[in-house]
Amino acid sequence: MSAGLTLTPESNKMKGFITISQEFCKGCEICISFCPKKIISRSDRFNAAGYLPAAFNNNGECTGCAICALVCPEVAIEVYRD
């Protein structure tokens, strides 16, 4: 641990966010089903292929667990951790 860094229970919790490629997503909703925080939903806009892709509802609860990216058959999700 580096000098001057103090970890509290809140700061020890890893936070993250995801990006979803709207053009790669085919709206299968697998990521929606598997997200433990339920922060992925269906978009209200069609993509160029005519699908309703998934959308990330960033409310600060994403832990960066990457389950959504692992189950995505189109590899349309990228996960970032703070």
N, C-alpha and C. Protein backbone atom coordinates (compact mmCIF):
# COMPACT_ATOMS: atom_id res chain seq x y z
N MET A 1 0.84 -1.16 0.00
CA MET A 1 0.00 0.00 0.00
C MET A 1 0.89 1.23 0.00
N SER A 2 0.51 2.21 -0.80
CA SER A 2 1.34 3.41 -0.89
C SER A 2 1.12 4.32 0.31
N ALA A 3 2.12 5.14 0.61
CA ALA A 3 2.05 6.04 1.75
C ALA A 3 0.94 7.05 1.57
N GLY A 4 0.19 7.30 2.63
CA GLY A 4 -0.86 8.30 2.60
C GLY A 4 -2.19 7.79 2.08
N LEU A 5 -2.28 6.53 1.66
CA LEU A 5 -3.53 5.98 1.14
C LEU A 5 -4.22 5.23 2.25
N THR A 6 -5.44 5.66 2.56
CA THR A 6 -6.22 5.01 3.60
C THR A 6 -7.45 4.38 2.94
N LEU A 7 -7.63 3.09 3.19
CA LEU A 7 -8.78 2.41 2.64
C LEU A 7 -9.87 2.29 3.69
N THR A 8 -11.04 2.78 3.36
CA THR A 8 -12.21 2.62 4.22
C THR A 8 -13.10 1.58 3.56
N PRO A 9 -14.09 1.05 4.26
CA PRO A 9 -14.97 0.06 3.63
C PRO A 9 -15.59 0.57 2.32
N GLU A 10 -15.96 1.85 2.26
CA GLU A 10 -16.55 2.38 1.04
C GLU A 10 -15.51 2.52 -0.08
N SER A 11 -14.31 2.98 0.24
CA SER A 11 -13.31 3.19 -0.80
C SER A 11 -12.70 1.88 -1.27
N ASN A 12 -12.82 0.82 -0.47
CA ASN A 12 -12.30 -0.48 -0.85
C ASN A 12 -13.19 -1.16 -1.89
N LYS A 13 -14.44 -0.72 -2.01
CA LYS A 13 -15.36 -1.28 -2.97
C LYS A 13 -15.01 -0.78 -4.37
N MET A 14 -14.71 -1.71 -5.28
CA MET A 14 -14.33 -1.32 -6.62
C MET A 14 -15.54 -0.81 -7.38
N LYS A 15 -15.41 0.31 -8.04
CA LYS A 15 -16.47 0.89 -8.86
C LYS A 15 -16.07 0.80 -10.32
N GLY A 16 -17.05 0.83 -11.18
CA GLY A 16 -16.75 0.74 -12.59
C GLY A 16 -17.87 1.29 -13.44
N PHE A 17 -17.70 1.14 -14.74
CA PHE A 17 -18.74 1.49 -15.69
C PHE A 17 -18.51 0.69 -16.96
N ILE A 18 -19.52 0.64 -17.80
CA ILE A 18 -19.41 -0.12 -19.04
C ILE A 18 -19.80 0.76 -20.22
N THR A 19 -19.32 0.36 -21.39
CA THR A 19 -19.80 0.94 -22.63
C THR A 19 -20.36 -0.20 -23.47
N ILE A 20 -21.45 0.09 -24.16
CA ILE A 20 -22.10 -0.91 -25.00
C ILE A 20 -22.09 -0.40 -26.43
N SER A 21 -21.50 -1.15 -27.33
CA SER A 21 -21.50 -0.78 -28.74
C SER A 21 -22.92 -0.96 -29.28
N GLN A 22 -23.57 0.15 -29.54
CA GLN A 22 -24.95 0.10 -30.00
C GLN A 22 -25.10 -0.60 -31.34
N GLU A 23 -24.08 -0.53 -32.16
CA GLU A 23 -24.17 -1.17 -33.48
C GLU A 23 -23.87 -2.67 -33.45
N PHE A 24 -23.08 -3.13 -32.48
CA PHE A 24 -22.81 -4.57 -32.36
C PHE A 24 -23.92 -5.30 -31.62
N CYS A 25 -24.58 -4.62 -30.69
CA CYS A 25 -25.59 -5.25 -29.84
C CYS A 25 -26.81 -5.64 -30.67
N LYS A 26 -27.29 -6.87 -30.46
CA LYS A 26 -28.47 -7.36 -31.17
C LYS A 26 -29.68 -7.46 -30.25
N GLY A 27 -29.58 -6.90 -29.06
CA GLY A 27 -30.73 -6.84 -28.17
C GLY A 27 -31.17 -8.17 -27.58
N CYS A 28 -30.25 -9.08 -27.39
CA CYS A 28 -30.61 -10.41 -26.87
C CYS A 28 -31.02 -10.38 -25.39
N GLU A 29 -30.62 -9.35 -24.69
CA GLU A 29 -30.95 -9.11 -23.27
C GLU A 29 -30.27 -10.07 -22.28
N ILE A 30 -29.28 -10.81 -22.74
CA ILE A 30 -28.57 -11.70 -21.81
C ILE A 30 -27.85 -10.87 -20.74
N CYS A 31 -27.22 -9.78 -21.14
CA CYS A 31 -26.51 -8.94 -20.17
C CYS A 31 -27.49 -8.35 -19.15
N ILE A 32 -28.69 -8.02 -19.59
CA ILE A 32 -29.71 -7.48 -18.68
C ILE A 32 -30.06 -8.52 -17.62
N SER A 33 -30.21 -9.76 -18.04
CA SER A 33 -30.56 -10.84 -17.12
C SER A 33 -29.46 -11.14 -16.10
N PHE A 34 -28.21 -11.02 -16.54
CA PHE A 34 -27.09 -11.42 -15.68
C PHE A 34 -26.54 -10.30 -14.80
N CYS A 35 -26.86 -9.05 -15.08
CA CYS A 35 -26.31 -7.95 -14.29
C CYS A 35 -26.79 -8.04 -12.84
N PRO A 36 -25.87 -8.21 -11.88
CA PRO A 36 -26.28 -8.34 -10.48
C PRO A 36 -26.87 -7.05 -9.90
N LYS A 37 -26.53 -5.92 -10.46
CA LYS A 37 -27.05 -4.63 -9.97
C LYS A 37 -28.27 -4.16 -10.74
N LYS A 38 -28.64 -4.87 -11.81
CA LYS A 38 -29.81 -4.52 -12.64
C LYS A 38 -29.74 -3.09 -13.17
N ILE A 39 -28.57 -2.73 -13.71
CA ILE A 39 -28.37 -1.37 -14.23
C ILE A 39 -28.19 -1.35 -15.75
N ILE A 40 -28.55 -2.44 -16.39
CA ILE A 40 -28.57 -2.50 -17.84
C ILE A 40 -30.02 -2.73 -18.25
N SER A 41 -30.48 -1.98 -19.23
CA SER A 41 -31.85 -2.12 -19.70
C SER A 41 -31.87 -2.07 -21.22
N ARG A 42 -33.02 -2.17 -21.79
CA ARG A 42 -33.17 -2.08 -23.24
C ARG A 42 -33.28 -0.61 -23.63
N SER A 43 -32.58 -0.23 -24.67
CA SER A 43 -32.64 1.14 -25.18
C SER A 43 -34.00 1.39 -25.82
N ASP A 44 -34.37 2.65 -25.92
CA ASP A 44 -35.62 2.99 -26.59
C ASP A 44 -35.38 3.42 -28.04
N ARG A 45 -34.13 3.28 -28.50
CA ARG A 45 -33.77 3.65 -29.88
C ARG A 45 -33.26 2.43 -30.63
N PHE A 46 -33.68 2.30 -31.86
CA PHE A 46 -33.20 1.22 -32.71
C PHE A 46 -31.81 1.54 -33.24
N ASN A 47 -30.98 0.50 -33.43
CA ASN A 47 -29.69 0.72 -34.07
C ASN A 47 -29.86 0.57 -35.58
N ALA A 48 -28.79 0.69 -36.33
CA ALA A 48 -28.86 0.64 -37.80
C ALA A 48 -29.37 -0.69 -38.33
N ALA A 49 -29.19 -1.76 -37.56
CA ALA A 49 -29.65 -3.08 -37.99
C ALA A 49 -31.10 -3.34 -37.60
N GLY A 50 -31.72 -2.40 -36.88
CA GLY A 50 -33.12 -2.55 -36.49
C GLY A 50 -33.35 -3.22 -35.15
N TYR A 51 -32.30 -3.37 -34.35
CA TYR A 51 -32.42 -3.96 -33.02
C TYR A 51 -32.55 -2.87 -31.96
N LEU A 52 -33.18 -3.22 -30.85
CA LEU A 52 -33.17 -2.36 -29.68
C LEU A 52 -32.02 -2.82 -28.79
N PRO A 53 -30.90 -2.12 -28.83
CA PRO A 53 -29.72 -2.57 -28.08
C PRO A 53 -29.87 -2.32 -26.58
N ALA A 54 -28.95 -2.87 -25.84
CA ALA A 54 -28.90 -2.65 -24.39
C ALA A 54 -28.38 -1.25 -24.11
N ALA A 55 -28.74 -0.74 -22.95
CA ALA A 55 -28.29 0.59 -22.52
C ALA A 55 -27.84 0.52 -21.07
N PHE A 56 -26.77 1.22 -20.77
CA PHE A 56 -26.22 1.27 -19.41
C PHE A 56 -26.84 2.42 -18.66
N ASN A 57 -27.46 2.12 -17.53
CA ASN A 57 -28.08 3.14 -16.68
C ASN A 57 -27.11 3.47 -15.55
N ASN A 58 -26.22 4.39 -15.81
CA ASN A 58 -25.14 4.70 -14.86
C ASN A 58 -25.69 5.44 -13.65
N ASN A 59 -25.87 4.70 -12.57
CA ASN A 59 -26.32 5.29 -11.32
C ASN A 59 -25.26 5.19 -10.23
N GLY A 60 -24.04 4.84 -10.63
CA GLY A 60 -22.95 4.74 -9.68
C GLY A 60 -22.86 3.41 -8.97
N GLU A 61 -23.72 2.45 -9.28
CA GLU A 61 -23.71 1.16 -8.60
C GLU A 61 -22.90 0.09 -9.30
N CYS A 62 -22.45 0.34 -10.52
CA CYS A 62 -21.67 -0.66 -11.26
C CYS A 62 -20.38 -0.97 -10.50
N THR A 63 -20.12 -2.25 -10.30
CA THR A 63 -18.92 -2.67 -9.59
C THR A 63 -17.78 -3.05 -10.54
N GLY A 64 -18.08 -3.10 -11.83
CA GLY A 64 -17.06 -3.52 -12.79
C GLY A 64 -16.82 -5.01 -12.76
N CYS A 65 -17.84 -5.78 -12.39
CA CYS A 65 -17.68 -7.23 -12.24
C CYS A 65 -17.42 -7.93 -13.57
N ALA A 66 -17.83 -7.33 -14.68
CA ALA A 66 -17.61 -7.83 -16.04
C ALA A 66 -18.45 -9.04 -16.42
N ILE A 67 -19.44 -9.39 -15.63
CA ILE A 67 -20.31 -10.50 -16.00
C ILE A 67 -21.01 -10.20 -17.31
N CYS A 68 -21.47 -8.97 -17.48
CA CYS A 68 -22.17 -8.59 -18.72
C CYS A 68 -21.28 -8.81 -19.94
N ALA A 69 -20.04 -8.43 -19.86
CA ALA A 69 -19.12 -8.60 -20.99
C ALA A 69 -18.82 -10.07 -21.25
N LEU A 70 -18.74 -10.85 -20.21
CA LEU A 70 -18.45 -12.28 -20.38
C LEU A 70 -19.60 -13.03 -21.05
N VAL A 71 -20.84 -12.64 -20.78
CA VAL A 71 -21.98 -13.36 -21.35
C VAL A 71 -22.44 -12.80 -22.69
N CYS A 72 -21.92 -11.65 -23.10
CA CYS A 72 -22.35 -11.02 -24.35
C CYS A 72 -21.86 -11.81 -25.56
N PRO A 73 -22.78 -12.40 -26.35
CA PRO A 73 -22.35 -13.20 -27.51
C PRO A 73 -21.78 -12.35 -28.65
N GLU A 74 -22.06 -11.06 -28.65
CA GLU A 74 -21.58 -10.18 -29.72
C GLU A 74 -20.32 -9.41 -29.34
N VAL A 75 -19.81 -9.60 -28.14
CA VAL A 75 -18.64 -8.90 -27.62
C VAL A 75 -18.84 -7.37 -27.78
N ALA A 76 -20.01 -6.92 -27.38
CA ALA A 76 -20.39 -5.52 -27.56
C ALA A 76 -20.18 -4.67 -26.31
N ILE A 77 -19.70 -5.28 -25.22
CA ILE A 77 -19.58 -4.57 -23.95
C ILE A 77 -18.12 -4.50 -23.51
N GLU A 78 -17.71 -3.30 -23.13
CA GLU A 78 -16.39 -3.09 -22.55
C GLU A 78 -16.58 -2.62 -21.12
N VAL A 79 -15.75 -3.14 -20.22
CA VAL A 79 -15.86 -2.82 -18.80
C VAL A 79 -14.65 -2.01 -18.36
N TYR A 80 -14.90 -0.97 -17.59
CA TYR A 80 -13.83 -0.12 -17.06
C TYR A 80 -14.00 -0.06 -15.56
N ARG A 81 -12.87 -0.11 -14.85
CA ARG A 81 -12.89 -0.02 -13.38
C ARG A 81 -12.13 1.21 -12.93
N ASP A 82 -12.71 1.88 -11.96
CA ASP A 82 -12.06 3.07 -11.38
C ASP A 82 -10.98 2.66 -10.41
